[in-house]
Amino acid sequence: MSLTLDRHLDSLFHYGLDIMRENEESILHEWTQMQNNFEKTGKRTAKTITYSIDLFSDLIFTYPLEKGVLLQQMKEGWNQLMGNMPIDQFILTLLESAVHHAMKELPQENYKDYQAIQYVFNQIGESVLSEKMETPFAYDQFLEQLVHSQQLPVEWVAVIIKENESYKVDKWFDKNKCLLHTQHNIEATTMYGLTEALLNHIPHSHKKNLLTVPFEDKQLLFCTEIDGVVHITPFLNHSLQLLQSGKLTLTHSLQEHQWKDAVIMFNESIMRARTFNHSLETITEGFVNYLPFERCAIFSYSKNDELGFGLSAHRLDNDAIQAITQDINNLPLINNGIALLNMFGKALKYLQPLYIADASAEFPKEYVDTFQLKSLVVTPIFTTSSNELLGAAIIDQGANQEFNISQDIYTALIKFGQSAGEVLGKFHTSIYEMNQTVHFSPREIEVLQLMAEGESTTGAADILHLSEYTVRDYITSVMQKMEARNRTEAVARAIRKGVI
């Protein structure tokens, strides 16, 4: 499986559409109120607001369109109804604000939904507010210009598609624009039959030559002068090849820059966090929400002891991850990466994500079996402000799943790791330095705090929503790490060391 960021962002776009469709009644109510307000106050933009609401209502709520089709129809409809107006962005902002207002009235509204809806409107805005010309690599524009060129012997061009075992004319380009009415009625079960039908509809074409050229999933049928076929055929093939190459290059360029959208949304989400736990939770979920991965675990790194220990997990057993304390020397690939980093000194920007095709070759068998690891990516979490490696995010596609990653995902992971590091770096003193000699998981620290507050095992279990047996295991672990003979001594030593 090859993971691509554009597919993941498309799913986020459709998630936003689904949220809007589920709340169609509330959103339409907000839009109608906005429309009525503009009409009552006699604002000049009232008619434009009405047009835009009608367009959005039809395309979002009436037809379950795929992203590309929806954006194209939105752009065409917007240009047809309103043209190029300076208030376009203002209207789009009003429509989006009304949607968010409608969602806030609902009990299930959350930040993920908010961002998905925001992404839908961002994509619509980029499409609608882009230059009003069509893409320079649209084949229909190319054919239109080709037919009307005075220097080429092309009489007409028919675009042939195949639907339900039948060939039919999808589009028609004619020098004289007098044969458009024929395109809806011409179809046949074979290309030869369709060509014969076209010749019957256009008698004067018997004196011409018909040339078929395959293009993408279509067939292009050119009618040209008989003497011109030898000269025009190489030109057509070369021109269509250039058109296709340009189109692919443009598509690839747009996809390469999609990682920026993912990074922006990730940064917006983690910057909202005000506590360490909330930051950790948001970062862990962010690697899954904004990138095409299914599971994520965050580990911190102690440079002095060369240890890594689990902090947080998303769609994995959180307690199992937090119970992990691992000597980095037992992870050769990761250890080599850190050793290479030390050679460069402060050049953390050279620390790159590690793609591991088969986890069994690099990780201890107990982890591979417990978490059913296969392919995974280890993404460094670091700060450039204090120039320090804080830890890593280990992400994958789920239990026993193999995958590859594209360059845009690789680029996004670097940015994610740096952004996560800058946020977690604010808590470095209070969270990581207290673990320089004794390493506790966040759950063990919670148990210690409750012990210090005088909670019984039963009380701590109720507060933490754990079983008493699990709490006893944590207490035993804490006592062993603190080399304490009883709970009271463990708490006293923890206070003296500044752990709690």
Protein backbone atom coordinates (compact mmCIF):
# COMPACT_ATOMS: atom_id res chain seq x y z
CA MET A 1 0.00 0.00 0.00
CA SER A 2 1.34 3.42 -0.96
CA LEU A 3 0.08 6.24 1.26
CA THR A 4 -0.67 9.58 -0.39
CA LEU A 5 -1.50 12.82 1.37
CA ASP A 6 -3.88 14.07 -1.33
CA ARG A 7 -6.15 11.04 -0.80
CA HIS A 8 -6.16 11.64 2.95
CA LEU A 9 -6.99 15.34 2.55
CA ASP A 10 -9.74 14.41 0.10
CA SER A 11 -11.23 12.22 2.82
CA LEU A 12 -11.05 15.17 5.23
CA PHE A 13 -12.85 17.31 2.62
CA HIS A 14 -15.63 14.72 2.29
CA TYR A 15 -15.81 14.37 6.07
CA GLY A 16 -16.51 18.10 6.25
CA LEU A 17 -19.21 17.75 3.59
CA ASP A 18 -20.77 14.85 5.49
CA ILE A 19 -20.88 16.91 8.70
CA MET A 20 -22.62 19.72 6.83
CA ARG A 21 -25.11 17.35 5.20
CA GLU A 22 -25.95 15.77 8.55
CA ASN A 23 -26.82 19.24 9.82
CA GLU A 24 -28.49 20.52 6.66
CA GLU A 25 -31.57 21.86 8.43
CA SER A 26 -29.62 23.97 10.95
CA ILE A 27 -27.27 25.34 8.29
CA LEU A 28 -30.06 26.23 5.86
CA HIS A 29 -31.85 27.97 8.73
CA GLU A 30 -28.76 30.13 9.40
CA TRP A 31 -28.31 30.90 5.71
CA THR A 32 -31.98 31.84 5.34
CA GLN A 33 -31.80 34.15 8.34
CA MET A 34 -28.72 35.81 6.88
CA GLN A 35 -30.47 36.21 3.52
CA ASN A 36 -33.59 37.73 5.13
CA ASN A 37 -31.47 40.15 7.14
CA PHE A 38 -29.69 41.39 4.02
CA GLU A 39 -32.98 41.80 2.18
CA LYS A 40 -34.68 43.67 5.05
CA THR A 41 -31.82 46.11 5.46
CA GLY A 42 -31.73 46.76 1.71
CA LYS A 43 -28.05 45.94 1.33
CA ARG A 44 -26.76 45.95 -2.23
CA THR A 45 -25.29 42.49 -1.83
CA ALA A 46 -28.67 40.90 -0.97
CA LYS A 47 -29.17 39.48 -4.47
CA THR A 48 -25.63 38.12 -4.57
CA ILE A 49 -26.14 36.48 -1.16
CA THR A 50 -29.30 34.80 -2.48
CA TYR A 51 -27.50 33.51 -5.58
CA SER A 52 -24.60 32.12 -3.54
CA ILE A 53 -26.90 30.39 -1.02
CA ASP A 54 -28.86 28.77 -3.85
CA LEU A 55 -25.64 27.57 -5.48
CA PHE A 56 -24.17 26.15 -2.26
CA SER A 57 -27.45 24.53 -1.27
CA ASP A 58 -27.78 22.76 -4.62
CA LEU A 59 -24.20 21.51 -4.87
CA ILE A 60 -23.64 20.58 -1.21
CA PHE A 61 -27.04 19.28 -0.11
CA THR A 62 -28.74 18.11 -3.31
CA TYR A 63 -26.00 16.21 -5.14
CA PRO A 64 -23.46 13.88 -3.43
CA LEU A 65 -20.62 15.03 -5.69
CA GLU A 66 -16.97 13.91 -5.63
CA LYS A 67 -14.52 16.65 -4.58
CA GLY A 68 -13.12 17.48 -8.03
CA VAL A 69 -16.56 17.59 -9.66
CA LEU A 70 -18.04 19.70 -6.84
CA LEU A 71 -15.22 22.26 -6.99
CA GLN A 72 -15.43 22.52 -10.78
CA GLN A 73 -19.22 22.95 -10.75
CA MET A 74 -18.94 25.41 -7.88
CA LYS A 75 -16.46 27.49 -9.87
CA GLU A 76 -18.52 27.37 -13.06
CA GLY A 77 -21.75 28.20 -11.21
CA TRP A 78 -20.11 31.02 -9.26
CA ASN A 79 -18.66 32.58 -12.40
CA GLN A 80 -21.96 32.25 -14.24
CA LEU A 81 -24.06 33.76 -11.45
CA MET A 82 -21.71 36.40 -10.14
CA GLY A 83 -18.67 36.69 -12.39
CA ASN A 84 -15.50 38.21 -11.01
CA MET A 85 -16.63 40.39 -8.12
CA PRO A 86 -14.45 42.03 -5.46
CA ILE A 87 -16.82 40.86 -2.69
CA ASP A 88 -16.39 37.17 -3.46
CA GLN A 89 -14.22 36.49 -0.38
CA PHE A 90 -16.61 38.47 1.82
CA ILE A 91 -19.56 36.31 0.73
CA LEU A 92 -17.67 33.06 1.20
CA THR A 93 -16.66 34.16 4.69
CA LEU A 94 -20.27 34.99 5.55
CA LEU A 95 -21.46 31.57 4.36
CA GLU A 96 -18.76 29.76 6.32
CA SER A 97 -19.37 31.80 9.48
CA ALA A 98 -23.05 30.94 9.33
CA VAL A 99 -22.19 27.23 9.10
CA HIS A 100 -19.89 27.42 12.14
CA HIS A 101 -22.58 29.33 14.05
CA ALA A 102 -25.11 26.62 13.23
CA MET A 103 -22.68 23.92 14.38
CA LYS A 104 -22.01 25.65 17.71
CA GLU A 105 -25.67 25.28 18.57
CA LEU A 106 -25.28 21.49 18.37
CA PRO A 107 -24.03 19.43 21.34
CA GLN A 108 -21.70 17.21 19.23
CA GLU A 109 -19.69 20.07 17.71
CA ASN A 110 -15.91 19.61 18.15
CA TYR A 111 -12.70 21.09 16.81
CA LYS A 112 -12.13 18.31 14.29
CA ASP A 113 -15.54 19.07 12.73
CA TYR A 114 -14.74 22.78 12.77
CA GLN A 115 -11.45 22.23 10.93
CA ALA A 116 -13.02 19.88 8.37
CA ILE A 117 -15.69 22.47 7.50
CA GLN A 118 -13.03 25.18 7.37
CA TYR A 119 -11.01 23.02 4.96
CA VAL A 120 -14.07 22.58 2.70
CA PHE A 121 -14.51 26.35 2.44
CA ASN A 122 -10.77 26.91 1.97
CA GLN A 123 -10.79 24.52 -0.98
CA ILE A 124 -13.92 26.10 -2.44
CA GLY A 125 -12.38 29.55 -1.98
CA GLU A 126 -9.16 28.54 -3.73
CA SER A 127 -11.20 27.16 -6.62
CA VAL A 128 -13.72 30.00 -6.94
CA LEU A 129 -11.29 32.84 -6.32
CA SER A 130 -8.54 31.51 -8.55
CA GLU A 131 -8.06 33.10 -11.95
CA LYS A 132 -11.26 32.89 -13.96
CA MET A 133 -9.52 31.20 -16.88
CA GLU A 134 -9.59 27.44 -17.19
CA THR A 135 -6.50 25.35 -16.62
CA PRO A 136 -4.01 25.76 -19.48
CA PHE A 137 -3.88 21.96 -19.76
CA ALA A 138 -7.62 21.41 -20.39
CA TYR A 139 -7.93 19.23 -23.49
CA ASP A 140 -11.23 20.77 -24.60
CA GLN A 141 -9.66 24.24 -24.81
CA PHE A 142 -6.81 22.76 -26.81
CA LEU A 143 -9.23 21.13 -29.27
CA GLU A 144 -11.28 24.30 -29.58
CA GLN A 145 -8.20 26.30 -30.53
CA LEU A 146 -7.00 23.54 -32.84
CA VAL A 147 -10.23 23.46 -34.85
CA HIS A 148 -10.40 27.22 -35.24
CA SER A 149 -6.80 27.61 -36.30
CA GLN A 150 -6.52 28.92 -39.85
CA GLN A 151 -3.18 27.18 -40.30
CA LEU A 152 -4.31 23.59 -39.67
CA PRO A 153 -6.53 21.49 -41.99
CA VAL A 154 -8.88 20.27 -39.20
CA GLU A 155 -12.60 20.46 -40.03
CA TRP A 156 -14.01 19.10 -36.80
CA VAL A 157 -13.12 16.95 -33.77
CA ALA A 158 -15.37 14.55 -31.91
CA VAL A 159 -14.55 13.31 -28.39
CA ILE A 160 -15.68 9.69 -28.10
CA ILE A 161 -16.34 7.96 -24.77
CA LYS A 162 -17.48 4.45 -23.94
CA GLU A 163 -20.44 3.96 -21.61
CA ASN A 164 -22.28 0.70 -20.95
CA GLU A 165 -20.63 -1.10 -23.89
CA SER A 166 -21.64 1.72 -26.22
CA TYR A 167 -19.52 4.37 -27.96
CA LYS A 168 -20.96 7.89 -28.08
CA VAL A 169 -19.99 11.47 -28.85
CA ASP A 170 -19.29 13.32 -25.61
CA LYS A 171 -18.09 16.67 -27.03
CA TRP A 172 -17.96 18.26 -30.45
CA PHE A 173 -15.68 20.95 -31.86
CA ASP A 174 -16.54 22.26 -35.33
CA LYS A 175 -14.98 25.03 -37.38
CA ASN A 176 -18.38 26.24 -38.59
CA LYS A 177 -20.29 25.55 -35.34
CA CYS A 178 -23.21 24.14 -37.33
CA LEU A 179 -23.24 20.49 -36.25
CA LEU A 180 -23.63 20.72 -32.47
CA HIS A 181 -27.18 19.33 -32.60
CA THR A 182 -25.92 15.97 -33.83
CA GLN A 183 -23.80 15.03 -30.83
CA HIS A 184 -26.63 13.82 -28.55
CA ASN A 185 -27.99 11.25 -30.99
CA ILE A 186 -24.87 9.53 -32.29
CA GLU A 187 -23.77 6.27 -30.68
CA ALA A 188 -22.88 2.71 -31.67
CA THR A 189 -21.57 -0.53 -30.19
CA THR A 190 -18.21 -0.20 -32.01
CA MET A 191 -15.89 2.64 -33.01
CA TYR A 192 -16.31 1.62 -36.66
CA GLY A 193 -20.10 1.81 -36.33
CA LEU A 194 -19.89 5.21 -34.66
CA THR A 195 -17.59 6.50 -37.44
CA GLU A 196 -20.08 5.30 -40.05
CA ALA A 197 -22.91 7.02 -38.21
CA LEU A 198 -20.96 10.27 -38.10
CA LEU A 199 -20.28 10.12 -41.85
CA ASN A 200 -24.00 9.60 -42.49
CA HIS A 201 -24.84 12.66 -40.37
CA ILE A 202 -22.17 14.79 -42.05
CA PRO A 203 -22.28 14.05 -45.80
CA HIS A 204 -19.51 16.43 -46.84
CA SER A 205 -17.11 14.53 -44.53
CA HIS A 206 -16.97 11.71 -47.14
CA LYS A 207 -14.51 13.89 -48.98
CA LYS A 208 -12.33 14.18 -45.89
CA ASN A 209 -10.16 11.79 -43.92
CA LEU A 210 -11.03 10.60 -40.39
CA LEU A 211 -8.16 10.08 -37.97
CA THR A 212 -8.55 8.40 -34.56
CA VAL A 213 -6.14 9.32 -31.75
CA PRO A 214 -6.42 7.78 -28.24
CA PHE A 215 -6.15 10.27 -25.36
CA GLU A 216 -6.51 9.36 -21.68
CA ASP A 217 -9.70 7.27 -21.45
CA LYS A 218 -11.20 8.79 -24.62
CA GLN A 219 -10.86 8.54 -28.40
CA LEU A 220 -10.43 11.74 -30.41
CA LEU A 221 -11.83 11.58 -33.95
CA PHE A 222 -10.32 14.22 -36.25
CA CYS A 223 -11.79 15.15 -39.63
CA THR A 224 -9.09 16.64 -41.86
CA GLU A 225 -8.07 17.14 -45.45
CA ILE A 226 -6.91 13.90 -47.08
CA ASP A 227 -3.64 15.44 -48.17
CA GLY A 228 -2.98 16.80 -44.70
CA VAL A 229 -3.06 13.52 -42.75
CA VAL A 230 0.59 12.63 -43.28
CA HIS A 231 1.72 16.01 -41.96
CA ILE A 232 -0.79 16.53 -39.16
CA THR A 233 -0.68 13.10 -37.48
CA PRO A 234 2.78 13.48 -35.89
CA PHE A 235 1.87 17.02 -34.81
CA LEU A 236 -1.35 15.86 -33.11
CA ASN A 237 0.33 13.01 -31.28
CA HIS A 238 3.18 15.21 -30.08
CA SER A 239 0.84 18.05 -29.03
CA LEU A 240 -1.43 15.71 -27.07
CA GLN A 241 1.59 14.16 -25.39
CA LEU A 242 2.82 17.61 -24.32
CA LEU A 243 -0.68 18.44 -23.09
CA GLN A 244 -0.81 15.28 -21.01
CA SER A 245 2.71 15.83 -19.63
CA GLY A 246 1.84 19.40 -18.65
CA LYS A 247 -1.35 18.25 -16.98
CA LEU A 248 0.49 15.58 -14.99
CA THR A 249 3.18 18.05 -13.98
CA LEU A 250 0.57 20.53 -12.76
CA THR A 251 -1.27 17.81 -10.82
CA HIS A 252 1.97 16.59 -9.26
CA SER A 253 2.95 20.15 -8.33
CA LEU A 254 -0.38 20.76 -6.61
CA GLN A 255 -0.13 17.46 -4.71
CA GLU A 256 3.40 18.25 -3.57
CA HIS A 257 2.16 21.40 -1.87
CA GLN A 258 -0.77 19.75 -0.09
CA TRP A 259 1.46 18.92 2.86
CA LYS A 260 1.21 22.60 3.77
CA ASP A 261 -2.53 22.28 4.42
CA ALA A 262 -1.91 19.33 6.74
CA VAL A 263 0.82 21.20 8.63
CA ILE A 264 -1.33 24.31 9.04
CA MET A 265 -4.25 22.33 10.47
CA PHE A 266 -1.94 20.34 12.77
CA ASN A 267 -0.32 23.55 14.07
CA GLU A 268 -3.69 25.21 14.64
CA SER A 269 -4.89 22.24 16.70
CA ILE A 270 -1.83 21.82 18.94
CA MET A 271 -1.42 25.55 19.59
CA ARG A 272 -4.82 25.53 21.31
CA ALA A 273 -3.54 23.24 24.07
CA ARG A 274 -2.76 24.87 27.42
CA THR A 275 -1.53 21.91 29.48
CA PHE A 276 1.04 19.19 28.93
CA ASN A 277 -1.53 16.39 28.89
CA HIS A 278 -3.78 18.23 26.44
CA SER A 279 -0.80 19.03 24.21
CA LEU A 280 0.34 15.42 24.27
CA GLU A 281 -3.13 14.13 23.47
CA THR A 282 -3.64 16.63 20.62
CA ILE A 283 -0.23 15.89 19.09
CA THR A 284 -0.75 12.12 19.26
CA GLU A 285 -4.15 12.38 17.59
CA GLY A 286 -2.85 14.95 15.09
CA PHE A 287 -0.45 12.49 13.45
CA VAL A 288 -3.52 10.37 12.63
CA ASN A 289 -6.09 13.10 11.94
CA TYR A 290 -4.02 15.11 9.47
CA LEU A 291 -1.86 12.40 7.90
CA PRO A 292 -2.87 9.05 6.35
CA PHE A 293 -1.97 6.92 9.39
CA GLU A 294 -4.11 4.85 11.75
CA ARG A 295 -2.08 4.54 14.98
CA CYS A 296 0.40 6.72 16.84
CA ALA A 297 2.51 6.42 20.00
CA ILE A 298 4.65 9.22 21.45
CA PHE A 299 7.87 8.43 23.30
CA SER A 300 10.18 10.81 25.16
CA TYR A 301 13.97 10.49 25.02
CA SER A 302 16.43 10.83 27.88
CA LYS A 303 19.83 11.73 26.46
CA ASN A 304 21.72 11.08 29.72
CA ASP A 305 20.45 7.53 30.16
CA GLU A 306 19.82 6.81 26.45
CA LEU A 307 16.34 5.65 27.33
CA GLY A 308 12.99 6.10 25.66
CA PHE A 309 9.72 5.78 27.55
CA GLY A 310 6.09 5.82 26.45
CA LEU A 311 4.03 8.94 26.99
CA SER A 312 0.84 8.67 24.96
CA ALA A 313 -1.00 6.56 22.39
CA HIS A 314 -3.87 6.95 19.95
CA ARG A 315 -5.74 3.83 18.78
CA LEU A 316 -3.24 1.74 20.76
CA ASP A 317 -3.32 0.48 24.35
CA ASN A 318 -2.34 3.65 26.19
CA ASP A 319 -1.40 1.89 29.43
CA ALA A 320 0.77 -0.62 27.54
CA ILE A 321 2.60 2.22 25.76
CA GLN A 322 3.11 4.16 29.00
CA ALA A 323 4.56 1.07 30.66
CA ILE A 324 7.42 0.93 28.11
CA THR A 325 10.93 2.00 29.12
CA GLN A 326 13.39 1.03 26.41
CA ASP A 327 17.17 1.22 26.14
CA ILE A 328 17.84 2.95 22.80
CA ASN A 329 20.98 0.84 22.38
CA ASN A 330 18.66 -2.10 21.75
CA LEU A 331 17.15 -0.30 18.74
CA PRO A 332 20.08 -0.25 16.27
CA LEU A 333 18.56 1.86 13.52
CA ILE A 334 17.27 4.55 15.90
CA ASN A 335 20.50 4.46 17.91
CA ASN A 336 22.55 4.94 14.74
CA GLY A 337 20.40 7.94 13.80
CA ILE A 338 20.99 9.54 17.19
CA ALA A 339 24.73 8.78 16.95
CA LEU A 340 24.79 10.48 13.55
CA LEU A 341 23.00 13.45 15.08
CA ASN A 342 25.65 13.71 17.80
CA MET A 343 28.33 13.84 15.11
CA PHE A 344 26.62 16.89 13.60
CA GLY A 345 26.34 18.57 16.99
CA LYS A 346 23.53 21.08 16.89
CA ALA A 347 22.33 20.41 13.36
CA LEU A 348 18.96 18.92 14.33
CA LYS A 349 17.56 19.83 10.94
CA TYR A 350 19.48 16.85 9.57
CA LEU A 351 17.48 14.44 11.76
CA GLN A 352 14.95 12.86 9.40
CA PRO A 353 11.97 10.51 9.84
CA LEU A 354 12.88 6.83 9.60
CA TYR A 355 10.72 4.60 7.42
CA ILE A 356 10.96 0.96 8.55
CA ALA A 357 9.48 -1.54 6.10
CA ASP A 358 9.55 -4.46 8.54
CA ALA A 359 9.50 -3.71 12.26
CA SER A 360 10.65 -7.23 13.18
CA ALA A 361 14.09 -6.40 11.79
CA GLU A 362 14.54 -3.40 14.10
CA PHE A 363 12.30 -3.76 17.17
CA PRO A 364 12.24 -6.31 20.01
CA LYS A 365 9.96 -9.27 19.32
CA GLU A 366 7.79 -8.54 22.38
CA TYR A 367 6.74 -5.17 20.92
CA VAL A 368 6.25 -6.56 17.42
CA ASP A 369 3.98 -9.31 18.76
CA THR A 370 2.10 -7.20 21.33
CA PHE A 371 1.26 -4.35 18.97
CA GLN A 372 1.26 -6.41 15.74
CA LEU A 373 3.82 -4.16 14.08
CA LYS A 374 4.79 -4.35 10.42
CA SER A 375 5.69 -1.19 8.47
CA LEU A 376 6.07 1.99 10.53
CA VAL A 377 7.63 5.44 10.59
CA VAL A 378 9.67 6.91 13.45
CA THR A 379 9.37 10.70 13.39
CA PRO A 380 11.77 12.72 15.61
CA ILE A 381 10.18 15.30 17.89
CA PHE A 382 12.66 18.11 18.40
CA THR A 383 13.02 21.82 18.99
CA THR A 384 15.13 24.19 16.95
CA SER A 385 14.72 26.95 19.54
CA SER A 386 16.56 24.99 22.29
CA ASN A 387 18.13 22.57 19.80
CA GLU A 388 17.10 19.40 21.61
CA LEU A 389 15.69 16.00 20.70
CA LEU A 390 12.69 15.40 22.95
CA GLY A 391 11.44 12.10 21.63
CA ALA A 392 9.69 10.52 18.68
CA ALA A 393 6.29 9.63 17.25
CA ILE A 394 5.95 6.05 16.03
CA ILE A 395 3.12 5.77 13.51
CA ASP A 396 1.71 3.07 11.26
CA GLN A 397 -1.31 1.99 9.23
CA GLY A 398 -2.67 -0.48 11.77
CA ALA A 399 -2.00 -4.04 12.87
CA ASN A 400 0.31 -5.98 10.52
CA GLN A 401 -0.10 -3.42 7.71
CA GLU A 402 2.60 -2.85 5.08
CA PHE A 403 2.84 0.54 3.36
CA ASN A 404 5.13 3.03 1.63
CA ILE A 405 5.06 6.81 2.03
CA SER A 406 5.27 9.55 -0.59
CA GLN A 407 7.64 12.52 -0.54
CA ASP A 408 4.91 14.98 0.49
CA ILE A 409 4.10 12.88 3.58
CA TYR A 410 7.80 12.68 4.39
CA THR A 411 8.05 16.48 4.20
CA ALA A 412 4.95 16.92 6.37
CA LEU A 413 6.34 14.54 9.01
CA ILE A 414 9.45 16.69 9.42
CA LYS A 415 7.28 19.75 10.03
CA PHE A 416 4.97 17.83 12.38
CA GLY A 417 7.95 16.69 14.46
CA GLN A 418 9.32 20.19 14.76
CA SER A 419 5.95 21.75 15.62
CA ALA A 420 5.24 19.07 18.23
CA GLY A 421 8.70 19.65 19.71
CA GLU A 422 8.20 23.39 20.06
CA VAL A 423 4.90 22.85 21.90
CA LEU A 424 6.15 20.06 24.17
CA GLY A 425 9.40 21.95 24.75
CA LYS A 426 7.47 24.41 26.92
CA PHE A 427 6.89 21.57 29.39
CA HIS A 428 10.41 20.12 29.15
CA THR A 429 11.56 21.24 32.60
CA SER A 430 8.56 19.99 34.51
CA ILE A 431 8.08 16.73 32.63
CA TYR A 432 11.44 15.48 31.41
CA GLU A 433 13.96 16.75 33.91
CA MET A 434 12.08 15.12 36.76
CA ASN A 435 12.71 11.83 34.98
CA GLN A 436 16.47 12.23 34.60
CA THR A 437 17.31 9.63 37.27
CA VAL A 438 14.06 7.74 37.79
CA HIS A 439 11.75 7.27 34.82
CA PHE A 440 8.02 7.26 35.49
CA SER A 441 5.15 6.97 33.09
CA PRO A 442 2.42 9.66 33.32
CA ARG A 443 0.09 7.04 34.88
CA GLU A 444 2.65 6.20 37.59
CA ILE A 445 2.96 9.91 38.42
CA GLU A 446 -0.84 10.15 38.72
CA VAL A 447 -0.85 7.21 41.14
CA LEU A 448 1.97 8.82 43.16
CA GLN A 449 0.04 12.08 43.42
CA LEU A 450 -3.09 10.28 44.63
CA MET A 451 -1.02 8.34 47.18
CA ALA A 452 0.43 11.64 48.41
CA GLU A 453 -3.13 12.98 48.79
CA GLY A 454 -4.00 10.01 50.98
CA GLU A 455 -6.19 8.12 48.53
CA SER A 456 -6.66 4.42 49.13
CA THR A 457 -6.11 1.85 46.40
CA THR A 458 -9.87 1.65 45.90
CA GLY A 459 -10.21 5.44 45.75
CA ALA A 460 -7.37 5.80 43.26
CA ALA A 461 -8.90 3.06 41.12
CA ASP A 462 -12.24 4.90 41.02
CA ILE A 463 -10.63 8.24 40.15
CA LEU A 464 -8.44 6.78 37.40
CA HIS A 465 -11.17 4.41 36.12
CA LEU A 466 -8.84 1.43 36.59
CA SER A 467 -9.16 -1.84 38.46
CA GLU A 468 -7.69 -2.15 41.95
CA TYR A 469 -5.29 -4.81 40.67
CA THR A 470 -3.94 -2.41 38.02
CA VAL A 471 -3.45 0.35 40.62
CA ARG A 472 -1.60 -2.12 42.91
CA ASP A 473 0.69 -2.98 39.97
CA TYR A 474 1.46 0.71 39.48
CA ILE A 475 2.14 1.14 43.21
CA THR A 476 4.48 -1.87 43.20
CA SER A 477 6.30 -0.47 40.17
CA VAL A 478 6.69 2.94 41.83
CA MET A 479 8.02 1.40 45.04
CA GLN A 480 10.57 -0.63 43.08
CA LYS A 481 11.78 2.38 41.09
CA MET A 482 12.06 4.48 44.26
CA GLU A 483 13.66 1.57 46.16
CA ALA A 484 11.10 2.18 48.89
CA ARG A 485 9.92 -0.33 51.49
CA ASN A 486 6.34 1.01 51.61
CA ARG A 487 4.00 3.55 50.04
CA THR A 488 4.76 6.29 52.55
CA GLU A 489 8.49 6.07 51.88
CA ALA A 490 7.86 6.07 48.10
CA VAL A 491 5.78 9.24 48.38
CA ALA A 492 8.36 10.94 50.61
CA ARG A 493 11.20 10.18 48.19
CA ALA A 494 9.12 11.32 45.22
CA ILE A 495 8.48 14.67 46.93
CA ARG A 496 12.17 15.13 47.76
CA LYS A 497 13.20 14.37 44.17
CA GLY A 498 10.60 16.79 42.80
CA VAL A 499 8.66 14.10 40.96
CA ILE A 500 5.40 15.33 42.53
